[in-house]
Amino acid sequence: MENITVNIDILKLEGLKVTPQSSIPAFILLLLIYVFIMVSNVGLVVLTSMERSLHQPMYLLFCNMSINDVFGATVIIPRLLSDVFIPITDRYINYIDCVVQAFCAHVYAGTTHTVVILIGLSVRLSRCRWIVFNPFCDNASLFKLSCESVIINNIYGLTYTVILLSSSLGSVTLTYLRIAMVCLSSRNNVLNSRALQTCATHLSLYVIMFVSGAIIIFLHRFPDLSDYRKLASIMFHVVPPALNPIIYGLQIKIVRQKIFIMFSRNDNFKLI
């Protein structure tokens, strides 16, 4: 039966696995996280665009990161929220919508010119299955719908992943070594303390993102460990977008000052 090609354009999406008793708490928690992601990241973008003093490369980089976080969270979380109260047996998604979601999820995680190849290799395959065993659609979920040989998908996907993660890990390692050398040669204890504080929080977030991203990709090849992969996939799209505004926004003195000034102005207007 698995060698029969299926042309049905409607897929069954597993979504977020929650019991009926925990569906309401899960919905509220996920909704609050999504609202926080949107408000904090959009707020940083608006603040950066309105304040000319923040029109500098470093703050524009934070602005770009916030836009990417909003995009990544919006690709995944609203669909999860809409499916929470729907029984797992009744959750469906159009194949085209699944492809678009997978493409957007990989755009968030990587670069566009290599994402296109990943998704293209999966879309070319015929389908003999119609159940997506994942909270949302991604590249591995797409090629798992086929009974054809996916060795090319695995080779390209794993090679791309190794190169991407290795280059990321290498650049971060070199950066931290450079920061450590500067701190060791500097006698300014205040600046060293600030640098170490910022680096420690950034490193914690980077480890969460790196480990969860690697787990998602590699555990797709081990069906017995699917629950750990699903948890990692949710963390990858929820934790970094929620923590980035706190780590990169509120810890920077000038950003804190601008936020405080904005709230002070609002309070003054209310008094008037």
Protein backbone atom coordinates (compact mmCIF):
# COMPACT_ATOMS: atom_id res chain seq x y z
CA MET A 1 0.00 0.00 0.00
CA GLU A 2 2.86 2.42 0.71
CA ASN A 3 4.02 2.27 -2.93
CA ILE A 4 0.73 3.79 -4.17
CA THR A 5 0.98 7.45 -5.12
CA VAL A 6 -1.56 9.64 -3.33
CA ASN A 7 -2.78 12.78 -5.12
CA ILE A 8 -4.94 14.06 -2.27
CA ASP A 9 -4.14 17.72 -1.61
CA ILE A 10 -5.44 17.63 1.97
CA LEU A 11 -3.00 16.45 4.65
CA LYS A 12 -3.62 15.50 8.23
CA LEU A 13 -1.55 17.71 10.57
CA GLU A 14 -0.69 16.44 14.02
CA GLY A 15 -0.24 19.91 15.48
CA LEU A 16 0.25 20.47 19.20
CA LYS A 17 -0.45 17.31 21.19
CA VAL A 18 -2.45 18.34 24.25
CA THR A 19 -5.20 16.65 26.23
CA PRO A 20 -8.68 18.22 26.33
CA GLN A 21 -8.07 19.17 29.96
CA SER A 22 -4.85 21.04 29.17
CA SER A 23 -6.02 22.67 25.92
CA ILE A 24 -7.19 25.90 27.58
CA PRO A 25 -4.00 26.44 29.67
CA ALA A 26 -1.87 25.59 26.61
CA PHE A 27 -3.83 28.05 24.47
CA ILE A 28 -3.57 30.86 27.04
CA LEU A 29 0.16 30.29 27.61
CA LEU A 30 0.96 30.15 23.90
CA LEU A 31 -1.21 33.19 23.20
CA LEU A 32 0.49 35.24 25.92
CA ILE A 33 3.90 34.27 24.58
CA TYR A 34 2.86 35.23 21.04
CA VAL A 35 1.45 38.59 22.18
CA PHE A 36 4.67 39.28 24.10
CA ILE A 37 6.78 38.37 21.06
CA MET A 38 4.76 40.68 18.82
CA VAL A 39 4.58 43.64 21.22
CA SER A 40 8.23 43.51 22.31
CA ASN A 41 9.75 42.96 18.88
CA VAL A 42 7.47 45.37 17.01
CA GLY A 43 8.05 47.89 19.81
CA LEU A 44 11.81 47.68 19.31
CA VAL A 45 11.41 48.14 15.55
CA VAL A 46 9.17 51.20 16.04
CA LEU A 47 11.53 52.66 18.67
CA THR A 48 14.55 52.16 16.40
CA SER A 49 12.81 53.73 13.41
CA MET A 50 11.52 56.76 15.35
CA GLU A 51 14.67 57.63 17.29
CA ARG A 52 17.43 59.05 15.07
CA SER A 53 20.03 58.38 17.73
CA LEU A 54 19.39 54.66 17.24
CA HIS A 55 20.03 54.79 13.47
CA GLN A 56 23.33 53.00 13.84
CA PRO A 57 24.49 49.62 12.46
CA MET A 58 24.22 47.80 15.79
CA TYR A 59 20.63 48.90 16.46
CA LEU A 60 19.61 48.30 12.84
CA LEU A 61 20.91 44.75 13.30
CA PHE A 62 18.69 44.33 16.37
CA CYS A 63 15.80 45.73 14.31
CA ASN A 64 16.43 43.14 11.60
CA MET A 65 16.53 40.39 14.23
CA SER A 66 13.19 41.54 15.66
CA ILE A 67 11.56 41.48 12.22
CA ASN A 68 12.87 37.96 11.66
CA ASP A 69 11.56 36.86 15.08
CA VAL A 70 8.10 38.26 14.34
CA PHE A 71 8.11 36.46 10.99
CA GLY A 72 9.23 33.14 12.49
CA ALA A 73 6.70 33.22 15.31
CA THR A 74 3.84 34.25 13.01
CA VAL A 75 4.58 31.37 10.65
CA ILE A 76 4.08 28.78 13.40
CA ILE A 77 2.18 29.99 16.48
CA PRO A 78 -1.17 31.19 15.00
CA ARG A 79 -1.66 27.83 13.30
CA LEU A 80 -0.90 26.02 16.55
CA LEU A 81 -3.38 28.22 18.40
CA SER A 82 -6.12 27.59 15.84
CA ASP A 83 -5.67 23.82 16.14
CA VAL A 84 -5.50 23.55 19.94
CA PHE A 85 -9.23 23.05 20.42
CA ILE A 86 -9.60 20.81 17.35
CA PRO A 87 -9.24 17.05 17.97
CA ILE A 88 -6.03 15.60 16.56
CA THR A 89 -8.07 13.36 14.27
CA ASP A 90 -9.74 16.41 12.66
CA ARG A 91 -6.74 18.65 12.00
CA TYR A 92 -6.14 19.13 8.28
CA ILE A 93 -4.02 21.37 6.09
CA ASN A 94 -3.87 21.92 2.33
CA TYR A 95 -0.68 20.58 0.73
CA ILE A 96 0.16 23.97 -0.79
CA ASP A 97 -0.31 25.65 2.60
CA CYS A 98 1.98 23.02 4.11
CA VAL A 99 4.67 23.74 1.50
CA VAL A 100 4.40 27.49 2.11
CA GLN A 101 4.65 27.03 5.88
CA ALA A 102 7.67 24.76 5.48
CA PHE A 103 9.35 27.28 3.19
CA CYS A 104 8.70 30.16 5.60
CA ALA A 105 9.93 28.10 8.56
CA HIS A 106 13.22 27.45 6.77
CA VAL A 107 13.52 31.07 5.62
CA TYR A 108 13.35 31.99 9.32
CA ALA A 109 16.02 29.45 10.19
CA GLY A 110 18.36 29.92 7.23
CA THR A 111 18.97 31.88 4.06
CA THR A 112 16.57 32.10 1.15
CA HIS A 113 18.82 30.86 -1.66
CA THR A 114 19.45 27.47 0.09
CA VAL A 115 15.98 27.13 1.48
CA VAL A 116 14.54 27.05 -2.09
CA ILE A 117 16.66 23.99 -2.94
CA LEU A 118 15.61 22.15 0.22
CA ILE A 119 11.90 22.60 -0.41
CA GLY A 120 12.27 22.02 -4.15
CA LEU A 121 13.84 18.61 -3.57
CA SER A 122 10.85 17.63 -1.42
CA VAL A 123 8.10 19.03 -3.65
CA ARG A 124 9.37 17.03 -6.66
CA LEU A 125 8.55 13.73 -4.88
CA SER A 126 5.28 11.89 -5.31
CA ARG A 127 3.20 11.33 -2.17
CA CYS A 128 1.93 8.05 -0.74
CA ARG A 129 1.16 9.33 2.78
CA TRP A 130 -1.03 12.16 4.01
CA ILE A 131 -0.28 12.50 7.72
CA VAL A 132 2.24 15.09 8.93
CA PHE A 133 3.66 13.83 12.23
CA ASN A 134 4.84 17.22 13.42
CA PRO A 135 3.36 20.29 15.15
CA PHE A 136 3.84 22.21 11.88
CA CYS A 137 5.09 21.64 8.32
CA ASP A 138 8.80 21.67 7.60
CA ASN A 139 11.06 20.21 4.94
CA ALA A 140 11.53 16.80 6.58
CA SER A 141 7.77 16.51 7.09
CA LEU A 142 7.27 17.05 3.36
CA PHE A 143 9.69 14.41 2.08
CA LYS A 144 8.41 11.91 4.66
CA LEU A 145 5.10 11.95 2.77
CA SER A 146 6.81 10.14 -0.13
CA CYS A 147 7.66 6.46 -0.56
CA GLU A 148 10.37 7.26 -3.12
CA SER A 149 14.05 7.29 -2.27
CA VAL A 150 14.88 10.42 -0.28
CA ILE A 151 18.63 9.82 -0.13
CA ILE A 152 19.28 13.03 -2.10
CA ASN A 153 17.14 14.99 0.35
CA ASN A 154 19.00 13.51 3.31
CA ILE A 155 22.44 14.09 1.80
CA TYR A 156 21.74 17.70 0.83
CA GLY A 157 19.82 18.46 4.02
CA LEU A 158 22.44 17.04 6.37
CA THR A 159 25.33 18.57 4.40
CA TYR A 160 23.62 21.96 4.42
CA THR A 161 22.92 21.60 8.14
CA VAL A 162 26.48 20.64 9.02
CA ILE A 163 27.90 23.56 7.01
CA LEU A 164 25.39 26.04 8.42
CA LEU A 165 25.76 24.96 12.05
CA SER A 166 29.55 24.63 11.78
CA SER A 167 29.95 28.11 10.31
CA SER A 168 27.59 29.53 12.94
CA LEU A 169 29.37 27.79 15.80
CA GLY A 170 32.77 28.74 14.41
CA SER A 171 31.92 32.43 14.04
CA VAL A 172 30.41 32.59 17.54
CA THR A 173 33.45 30.82 19.02
CA LEU A 174 35.88 33.22 17.31
CA THR A 175 33.81 36.19 18.42
CA TYR A 176 33.79 35.10 22.06
CA LEU A 177 37.50 34.35 22.00
CA ARG A 178 38.11 37.85 20.70
CA ILE A 179 35.86 39.36 23.40
CA ALA A 180 37.65 37.28 26.05
CA MET A 181 41.05 38.51 24.85
CA VAL A 182 39.89 42.14 24.97
CA CYS A 183 38.45 41.69 28.47
CA LEU A 184 41.65 40.07 29.72
CA SER A 185 43.78 42.90 28.33
CA SER A 186 41.43 45.63 29.58
CA ARG A 187 41.64 47.01 33.11
CA ASN A 188 38.17 48.55 33.05
CA ASN A 189 36.20 46.34 35.43
CA VAL A 190 32.88 48.05 34.66
CA LEU A 191 33.12 47.46 30.92
CA ASN A 192 34.34 43.89 31.46
CA SER A 193 31.39 43.19 33.74
CA ARG A 194 28.90 44.54 31.20
CA ALA A 195 30.51 42.58 28.38
CA LEU A 196 30.45 39.34 30.35
CA GLN A 197 26.83 39.89 31.38
CA THR A 198 25.70 40.49 27.81
CA CYS A 199 27.78 37.59 26.48
CA ALA A 200 26.48 35.17 29.11
CA THR A 201 22.83 35.89 28.30
CA HIS A 202 23.47 35.79 24.56
CA LEU A 203 25.38 32.52 24.87
CA SER A 204 22.54 30.93 26.85
CA LEU A 205 20.04 31.91 24.16
CA TYR A 206 22.38 30.78 21.38
CA VAL A 207 22.85 27.36 23.01
CA ILE A 208 19.06 26.90 23.26
CA MET A 209 18.60 27.86 19.61
CA PHE A 210 21.58 25.81 18.41
CA VAL A 211 20.69 22.64 20.32
CA SER A 212 16.96 22.78 19.54
CA GLY A 213 17.66 23.46 15.86
CA ALA A 214 20.11 20.57 15.63
CA ILE A 215 17.71 18.23 17.45
CA ILE A 216 14.88 19.08 15.04
CA ILE A 217 16.96 18.18 11.99
CA PHE A 218 18.72 15.07 13.23
CA LEU A 219 15.82 13.49 15.15
CA HIS A 220 13.65 13.62 12.02
CA ARG A 221 15.70 10.56 11.03
CA PHE A 222 14.74 8.70 14.25
CA PRO A 223 10.94 8.20 14.50
CA ASP A 224 11.19 6.63 17.97
CA LEU A 225 12.36 9.96 19.40
CA SER A 226 9.67 12.07 17.75
CA ASP A 227 8.34 13.56 21.02
CA TYR A 228 11.72 15.14 21.80
CA ARG A 229 11.92 16.52 18.25
CA LYS A 230 8.46 18.07 18.52
CA LEU A 231 9.35 19.76 21.81
CA ALA A 232 12.58 21.10 20.31
CA SER A 233 10.71 22.43 17.26
CA ILE A 234 8.34 24.42 19.47
CA MET A 235 11.22 25.79 21.55
CA PHE A 236 13.10 26.87 18.41
CA HIS A 237 10.20 29.04 17.24
CA VAL A 238 9.08 30.33 20.66
CA VAL A 239 12.03 30.79 23.04
CA PRO A 240 14.47 32.91 20.94
CA PRO A 241 11.82 35.37 19.65
CA ALA A 242 10.56 35.86 23.21
CA LEU A 243 13.99 36.33 24.81
CA ASN A 244 15.75 38.34 22.09
CA PRO A 245 13.98 41.64 22.94
CA ILE A 246 14.88 41.20 26.60
CA ILE A 247 18.51 40.28 26.02
CA TYR A 248 19.30 42.68 23.18
CA GLY A 249 16.84 45.42 23.98
CA LEU A 250 16.40 45.99 27.69
CA GLN A 251 20.04 45.25 28.56
CA ILE A 252 21.28 48.08 26.32
CA LYS A 253 21.34 51.29 28.32
CA ILE A 254 20.34 53.67 25.53
CA VAL A 255 17.36 51.49 24.58
CA ARG A 256 16.22 51.35 28.22
CA GLN A 257 16.49 55.12 28.44
CA LYS A 258 14.44 55.63 25.27
CA ILE A 259 11.73 53.26 26.53
CA PHE A 260 11.66 55.06 29.88
CA ILE A 261 11.35 58.44 28.13
CA MET A 262 8.49 57.18 25.97
CA PHE A 263 6.55 55.90 28.97
CA SER A 264 7.28 59.14 30.85
CA ARG A 265 5.82 61.13 27.95
CA ASN A 266 2.69 58.98 27.96
CA ASP A 267 2.24 59.53 31.71
CA ASN A 268 2.63 63.30 31.26
CA PHE A 269 0.02 63.32 28.50
CA LYS A 270 -2.38 61.47 30.76
CA LEU A 271 -1.86 64.02 33.55
CA ILE A 272 -2.52 66.87 31.12
